């Protein structure tokens, strides 16, 4: 099993920044890639970003448009999501997830999920 714990969410004004963290523990060697997803009230969960643990290669949703950056610290088994130029429409619960194999945009391919961290962006 892999345990994931997110942190770093909060309330921020439009244009502001936050850095989300996702600490992985347990059988972390079981995961090869990490992803960030988000779910806004009344909407389905959507892909935000993903990264391979070993290579650091990443992929982003189109709506990110250079505003968000995913990174990882292998020594700390932690993945980060830097959120810049935040907009009210970025308001959501952000989830960290882990999977075996290559990075992916598909939530169903991820076998491990954190509890989520809430991000609220005020206008």
N, C-alpha and C. Protein backbone atom coordinates (compact mmCIF):
# COMPACT_ATOMS: atom_id res chain seq x y z
N UNK A 1 0.83 -1.21 0.00
CA UNK A 1 0.00 0.00 0.00
C UNK A 1 0.86 1.25 0.00
N UNK A 2 0.32 2.26 -0.63
CA UNK A 2 0.97 3.57 -0.65
C UNK A 2 0.03 4.56 0.01
N UNK A 3 0.54 5.29 0.96
CA UNK A 3 -0.25 6.33 1.61
C UNK A 3 0.18 7.70 1.09
N UNK A 4 -0.80 8.52 0.80
CA UNK A 4 -0.55 9.85 0.27
C UNK A 4 -1.24 10.89 1.15
N UNK A 5 -0.50 11.91 1.52
CA UNK A 5 -1.05 12.97 2.36
C UNK A 5 -0.76 14.31 1.71
N UNK A 6 -1.82 15.01 1.34
CA UNK A 6 -1.67 16.33 0.73
C UNK A 6 -1.70 17.42 1.79
N UNK A 7 -1.08 18.52 1.46
CA UNK A 7 -1.13 19.70 2.32
C UNK A 7 -0.87 20.93 1.47
N UNK A 8 -1.10 22.10 2.06
CA UNK A 8 -0.77 23.34 1.38
C UNK A 8 -1.94 24.10 0.82
N UNK A 9 -3.13 23.53 0.90
CA UNK A 9 -4.29 24.24 0.39
C UNK A 9 -4.66 25.41 1.29
N UNK A 10 -5.60 26.22 0.82
CA UNK A 10 -6.04 27.34 1.62
C UNK A 10 -6.83 28.33 0.81
N UNK A 11 -7.02 29.51 1.39
CA UNK A 11 -7.76 30.59 0.75
C UNK A 11 -6.77 31.62 0.23
N UNK A 12 -6.93 31.99 -1.03
CA UNK A 12 -6.03 32.96 -1.64
C UNK A 12 -6.81 33.85 -2.58
N UNK A 13 -6.34 35.04 -2.78
CA UNK A 13 -7.01 35.95 -3.72
C UNK A 13 -6.58 35.64 -5.14
N UNK A 14 -7.42 36.02 -6.06
CA UNK A 14 -7.10 35.84 -7.48
C UNK A 14 -5.75 36.49 -7.79
N UNK A 15 -4.95 35.78 -8.56
CA UNK A 15 -3.61 36.25 -8.88
C UNK A 15 -2.54 35.75 -7.92
N UNK A 16 -2.98 35.18 -6.82
CA UNK A 16 -2.05 34.69 -5.81
C UNK A 16 -1.49 33.32 -6.14
N UNK A 17 -0.71 32.80 -5.20
CA UNK A 17 -0.03 31.52 -5.40
C UNK A 17 -0.17 30.62 -4.17
N UNK A 18 -0.08 29.35 -4.42
CA UNK A 18 -0.03 28.34 -3.37
C UNK A 18 0.89 27.22 -3.84
N UNK A 19 1.48 26.52 -2.88
CA UNK A 19 2.23 25.32 -3.23
C UNK A 19 1.63 24.14 -2.47
N UNK A 20 1.15 23.19 -3.22
CA UNK A 20 0.60 21.97 -2.65
C UNK A 20 1.70 20.91 -2.55
N UNK A 21 1.63 20.14 -1.49
CA UNK A 21 2.58 19.05 -1.30
C UNK A 21 1.84 17.74 -1.15
N UNK A 22 2.48 16.68 -1.58
CA UNK A 22 1.92 15.33 -1.44
C UNK A 22 3.05 14.42 -0.98
N UNK A 23 2.97 14.00 0.27
CA UNK A 23 3.98 13.12 0.84
C UNK A 23 3.53 11.68 0.71
N UNK A 24 4.39 10.85 0.13
CA UNK A 24 4.09 9.44 -0.06
C UNK A 24 4.85 8.60 0.95
N UNK A 25 4.18 7.58 1.46
CA UNK A 25 4.82 6.67 2.40
C UNK A 25 4.31 5.26 2.13
N UNK A 26 4.92 4.30 2.80
CA UNK A 26 4.53 2.92 2.58
C UNK A 26 5.33 2.30 1.45
N UNK A 27 4.71 1.52 0.62
CA UNK A 27 5.38 0.83 -0.46
C UNK A 27 5.54 1.77 -1.66
N UNK A 28 6.32 2.81 -1.45
CA UNK A 28 6.43 3.84 -2.47
C UNK A 28 7.08 3.33 -3.75
N UNK A 29 7.84 2.23 -3.64
CA UNK A 29 8.45 1.69 -4.86
C UNK A 29 7.38 1.12 -5.78
N UNK A 30 6.17 0.95 -5.24
CA UNK A 30 5.06 0.44 -6.05
C UNK A 30 4.52 1.48 -7.03
N UNK A 31 4.92 2.73 -6.83
CA UNK A 31 4.39 3.78 -7.70
C UNK A 31 5.49 4.26 -8.63
N UNK A 32 5.11 4.54 -9.86
CA UNK A 32 6.07 5.02 -10.85
C UNK A 32 5.77 6.44 -11.28
N UNK A 33 4.53 6.84 -11.09
CA UNK A 33 4.14 8.17 -11.52
C UNK A 33 3.15 8.74 -10.53
N UNK A 34 3.12 10.03 -10.46
CA UNK A 34 2.20 10.75 -9.58
C UNK A 34 1.37 11.71 -10.40
N UNK A 35 0.19 11.95 -9.90
CA UNK A 35 -0.68 12.89 -10.59
C UNK A 35 -1.41 13.80 -9.62
N UNK A 36 -1.79 14.95 -10.12
CA UNK A 36 -2.67 15.85 -9.39
C UNK A 36 -3.98 15.97 -10.17
N UNK A 37 -5.07 15.85 -9.46
CA UNK A 37 -6.39 16.02 -10.03
C UNK A 37 -7.14 17.01 -9.15
N UNK A 38 -8.24 17.53 -9.65
CA UNK A 38 -9.04 18.43 -8.84
C UNK A 38 -10.51 18.20 -9.11
N UNK A 39 -11.31 18.56 -8.12
CA UNK A 39 -12.76 18.43 -8.26
C UNK A 39 -13.41 19.66 -7.66
N UNK A 40 -14.06 20.41 -8.51
CA UNK A 40 -14.80 21.59 -8.07
C UNK A 40 -16.20 21.19 -7.66
N UNK A 41 -16.85 21.97 -6.83
CA UNK A 41 -18.21 21.64 -6.39
C UNK A 41 -19.14 21.44 -7.58
N UNK A 42 -19.82 20.32 -7.57
CA UNK A 42 -20.79 20.03 -8.62
C UNK A 42 -20.19 19.59 -9.94
N UNK A 43 -18.88 19.39 -9.97
CA UNK A 43 -18.22 18.99 -11.21
C UNK A 43 -17.48 17.67 -11.02
N UNK A 44 -17.13 17.05 -12.14
CA UNK A 44 -16.38 15.81 -12.08
C UNK A 44 -14.90 16.10 -11.81
N UNK A 45 -14.25 15.09 -11.29
CA UNK A 45 -12.82 15.21 -11.06
C UNK A 45 -12.10 15.36 -12.40
N UNK A 46 -11.12 16.25 -12.45
CA UNK A 46 -10.39 16.45 -13.70
C UNK A 46 -8.88 16.42 -13.48
N UNK A 47 -8.19 16.04 -14.53
CA UNK A 47 -6.74 15.96 -14.51
C UNK A 47 -6.12 17.34 -14.47
N UNK A 48 -5.03 17.48 -13.70
CA UNK A 48 -4.30 18.74 -13.63
C UNK A 48 -2.87 18.56 -14.15
N UNK A 49 -2.12 17.62 -13.56
CA UNK A 49 -0.73 17.43 -13.95
C UNK A 49 -0.27 16.04 -13.51
N UNK A 50 0.78 15.55 -14.16
CA UNK A 50 1.35 14.27 -13.80
C UNK A 50 2.85 14.29 -14.02
N UNK A 51 3.56 13.44 -13.29
CA UNK A 51 5.02 13.40 -13.39
C UNK A 51 5.53 11.99 -13.12
N UNK A 52 6.58 11.60 -13.84
CA UNK A 52 7.24 10.33 -13.57
C UNK A 52 8.24 10.52 -12.43
N UNK A 53 8.24 9.59 -11.50
CA UNK A 53 9.16 9.70 -10.36
C UNK A 53 10.61 9.73 -10.83
N UNK A 54 10.97 8.81 -11.71
CA UNK A 54 12.38 8.64 -12.05
C UNK A 54 12.88 9.72 -13.00
N UNK A 55 12.15 9.94 -14.09
CA UNK A 55 12.65 10.86 -15.11
C UNK A 55 12.33 12.31 -14.83
N UNK A 56 11.24 12.52 -14.11
CA UNK A 56 10.78 13.89 -13.89
C UNK A 56 9.99 14.45 -15.05
N UNK A 57 9.78 13.63 -16.10
CA UNK A 57 8.99 14.10 -17.23
C UNK A 57 7.56 14.37 -16.76
N UNK A 58 6.98 15.46 -17.22
CA UNK A 58 5.66 15.87 -16.74
C UNK A 58 4.71 16.16 -17.90
N UNK A 59 3.45 16.28 -17.54
CA UNK A 59 2.41 16.59 -18.51
C UNK A 59 1.35 17.39 -17.78
N UNK A 60 0.69 18.29 -18.51
CA UNK A 60 -0.27 19.19 -17.89
C UNK A 60 -1.56 19.26 -18.67
N UNK A 61 -2.62 19.55 -17.95
CA UNK A 61 -3.89 19.85 -18.61
C UNK A 61 -3.75 21.17 -19.36
N UNK A 62 -4.52 21.29 -20.42
CA UNK A 62 -4.43 22.50 -21.25
C UNK A 62 -4.75 23.77 -20.46
N UNK A 63 -5.67 23.67 -19.51
CA UNK A 63 -6.09 24.89 -18.81
C UNK A 63 -4.99 25.42 -17.88
N UNK A 64 -3.97 24.62 -17.63
CA UNK A 64 -2.86 25.07 -16.77
C UNK A 64 -2.13 26.23 -17.43
N UNK A 65 -1.84 26.09 -18.73
CA UNK A 65 -1.26 27.16 -19.54
C UNK A 65 -0.08 27.85 -18.88
N UNK A 66 0.83 27.06 -18.33
CA UNK A 66 2.03 27.61 -17.75
C UNK A 66 1.87 28.18 -16.34
N UNK A 67 0.69 28.12 -15.79
CA UNK A 67 0.47 28.68 -14.45
C UNK A 67 0.88 27.73 -13.34
N UNK A 68 0.77 26.44 -13.58
CA UNK A 68 1.07 25.44 -12.55
C UNK A 68 2.33 24.69 -12.92
N UNK A 69 3.07 24.24 -11.89
CA UNK A 69 4.27 23.45 -12.11
C UNK A 69 4.29 22.27 -11.16
N UNK A 70 4.44 21.07 -11.71
CA UNK A 70 4.56 19.88 -10.89
C UNK A 70 6.04 19.52 -10.78
N UNK A 71 6.45 19.10 -9.60
CA UNK A 71 7.84 18.71 -9.38
C UNK A 71 7.88 17.62 -8.31
N UNK A 72 9.04 16.97 -8.20
CA UNK A 72 9.14 15.94 -7.18
C UNK A 72 10.51 15.99 -6.52
N UNK A 73 10.51 15.52 -5.26
CA UNK A 73 11.74 15.38 -4.50
C UNK A 73 11.83 13.91 -4.14
N UNK A 74 12.64 13.18 -4.88
CA UNK A 74 12.70 11.74 -4.68
C UNK A 74 13.20 11.37 -3.28
N UNK A 75 14.12 12.15 -2.77
CA UNK A 75 14.67 11.85 -1.44
C UNK A 75 13.61 11.97 -0.35
N UNK A 76 12.66 12.86 -0.56
CA UNK A 76 11.60 13.08 0.42
C UNK A 76 10.31 12.35 0.06
N UNK A 77 10.32 11.65 -1.07
CA UNK A 77 9.09 10.97 -1.54
C UNK A 77 7.91 11.95 -1.56
N UNK A 78 8.18 13.13 -2.05
CA UNK A 78 7.16 14.18 -2.05
C UNK A 78 7.03 14.79 -3.44
N UNK A 79 5.80 15.02 -3.83
CA UNK A 79 5.48 15.69 -5.08
C UNK A 79 4.83 17.03 -4.76
N UNK A 80 5.15 18.01 -5.55
CA UNK A 80 4.63 19.36 -5.32
C UNK A 80 3.83 19.83 -6.53
N UNK A 81 2.91 20.72 -6.26
CA UNK A 81 2.19 21.41 -7.33
C UNK A 81 2.19 22.89 -6.99
N UNK A 82 2.97 23.64 -7.73
CA UNK A 82 3.03 25.08 -7.55
C UNK A 82 1.92 25.72 -8.37
N UNK A 83 1.06 26.45 -7.70
CA UNK A 83 -0.07 27.11 -8.36
C UNK A 83 0.17 28.61 -8.37
N UNK A 84 0.32 29.17 -9.55
CA UNK A 84 0.52 30.60 -9.70
C UNK A 84 -0.62 31.22 -10.51
N UNK A 85 -0.76 32.52 -10.40
CA UNK A 85 -1.78 33.24 -11.14
C UNK A 85 -3.14 32.58 -10.98
N UNK A 86 -3.48 32.30 -9.77
CA UNK A 86 -4.72 31.57 -9.50
C UNK A 86 -5.95 32.38 -9.88
N UNK A 87 -6.96 31.66 -10.34
CA UNK A 87 -8.22 32.25 -10.75
C UNK A 87 -9.34 31.66 -9.90
N UNK A 88 -10.46 32.36 -9.78
CA UNK A 88 -11.58 31.80 -9.02
C UNK A 88 -12.01 30.42 -9.54
N UNK A 89 -11.89 30.19 -10.82
CA UNK A 89 -12.28 28.89 -11.38
C UNK A 89 -11.31 27.77 -11.01
N UNK A 90 -10.20 28.11 -10.36
CA UNK A 90 -9.29 27.08 -9.86
C UNK A 90 -9.74 26.53 -8.50
N UNK A 91 -10.79 27.12 -7.95
CA UNK A 91 -11.31 26.66 -6.68
C UNK A 91 -11.77 25.21 -6.79
N UNK A 92 -11.22 24.36 -5.93
CA UNK A 92 -11.52 22.93 -5.99
C UNK A 92 -10.80 22.23 -4.85
N UNK A 93 -11.15 20.97 -4.67
CA UNK A 93 -10.34 20.09 -3.83
C UNK A 93 -9.31 19.44 -4.75
N UNK A 94 -8.06 19.55 -4.37
CA UNK A 94 -6.97 19.00 -5.17
C UNK A 94 -6.51 17.68 -4.56
N UNK A 95 -6.45 16.66 -5.40
CA UNK A 95 -6.08 15.33 -4.96
C UNK A 95 -4.76 14.90 -5.59
N UNK A 96 -3.97 14.24 -4.80
CA UNK A 96 -2.74 13.62 -5.25
C UNK A 96 -3.03 12.13 -5.46
N UNK A 97 -2.40 11.55 -6.48
CA UNK A 97 -2.61 10.14 -6.76
C UNK A 97 -1.32 9.50 -7.25
N UNK A 98 -1.21 8.19 -7.05
CA UNK A 98 -0.03 7.44 -7.46
C UNK A 98 -0.43 6.25 -8.30
N UNK A 99 0.44 5.88 -9.24
CA UNK A 99 0.15 4.74 -10.11
C UNK A 99 1.43 4.02 -10.47
N UNK A 100 1.24 2.82 -10.92
CA UNK A 100 2.34 2.03 -11.49
C UNK A 100 2.38 2.31 -12.98
N UNK A 101 3.58 2.39 -13.52
CA UNK A 101 3.70 2.62 -14.95
C UNK A 101 3.86 4.09 -15.28
N UNK A 102 3.71 4.41 -16.54
CA UNK A 102 3.97 5.75 -17.04
C UNK A 102 2.93 6.75 -16.53
N UNK A 103 3.31 8.00 -16.58
CA UNK A 103 2.38 9.06 -16.18
C UNK A 103 1.15 9.01 -17.08
N UNK A 104 0.05 9.49 -16.54
CA UNK A 104 -1.21 9.38 -17.26
C UNK A 104 -2.14 10.50 -16.87
N UNK A 105 -3.02 10.85 -17.78
CA UNK A 105 -4.06 11.84 -17.51
C UNK A 105 -5.36 11.18 -17.03
N UNK A 106 -5.38 9.86 -17.02
CA UNK A 106 -6.61 9.13 -16.74
C UNK A 106 -6.69 8.76 -15.26
N UNK A 107 -7.67 9.28 -14.56
CA UNK A 107 -7.78 9.06 -13.12
C UNK A 107 -7.96 7.58 -12.79
N UNK A 108 -8.64 6.85 -13.64
CA UNK A 108 -8.89 5.44 -13.37
C UNK A 108 -7.65 4.57 -13.34
N UNK A 109 -6.55 5.08 -13.86
CA UNK A 109 -5.31 4.32 -13.87
C UNK A 109 -4.53 4.46 -12.57
N UNK A 110 -4.97 5.35 -11.71
CA UNK A 110 -4.27 5.59 -10.45
C UNK A 110 -4.88 4.73 -9.36
N UNK A 111 -4.03 3.99 -8.66
CA UNK A 111 -4.52 3.07 -7.65
C UNK A 111 -4.52 3.61 -6.24
N UNK A 112 -3.82 4.71 -6.04
CA UNK A 112 -3.70 5.27 -4.70
C UNK A 112 -4.04 6.75 -4.74
N UNK A 113 -4.82 7.17 -3.73
CA UNK A 113 -5.29 8.55 -3.67
C UNK A 113 -5.12 9.11 -2.28
N UNK A 114 -4.85 10.40 -2.21
CA UNK A 114 -4.85 11.09 -0.94
C UNK A 114 -6.25 11.57 -0.60
N UNK A 115 -6.35 12.24 0.54
CA UNK A 115 -7.66 12.69 1.02
C UNK A 115 -8.07 14.03 0.41
N UNK A 116 -7.14 14.71 -0.21
CA UNK A 116 -7.44 15.98 -0.86
C UNK A 116 -7.11 17.17 0.02
N UNK A 117 -6.82 18.28 -0.63
CA UNK A 117 -6.60 19.55 0.07
C UNK A 117 -7.38 20.62 -0.67
N UNK A 118 -8.08 21.46 0.07
CA UNK A 118 -8.99 22.41 -0.52
C UNK A 118 -8.29 23.72 -0.88
N UNK A 119 -8.55 24.18 -2.09
CA UNK A 119 -8.04 25.47 -2.57
C UNK A 119 -9.23 26.35 -2.91
N UNK A 120 -9.28 27.51 -2.32
CA UNK A 120 -10.34 28.47 -2.59
C UNK A 120 -9.71 29.77 -3.06
N UNK A 121 -10.13 30.23 -4.23
CA UNK A 121 -9.60 31.46 -4.80
C UNK A 121 -10.72 32.49 -4.85
N UNK A 122 -10.53 33.57 -4.16
CA UNK A 122 -11.54 34.63 -4.12
C UNK A 122 -11.24 35.67 -5.20
N UNK A 123 -12.31 36.27 -5.68
CA UNK A 123 -12.17 37.27 -6.76
C UNK A 123 -11.93 38.66 -6.20
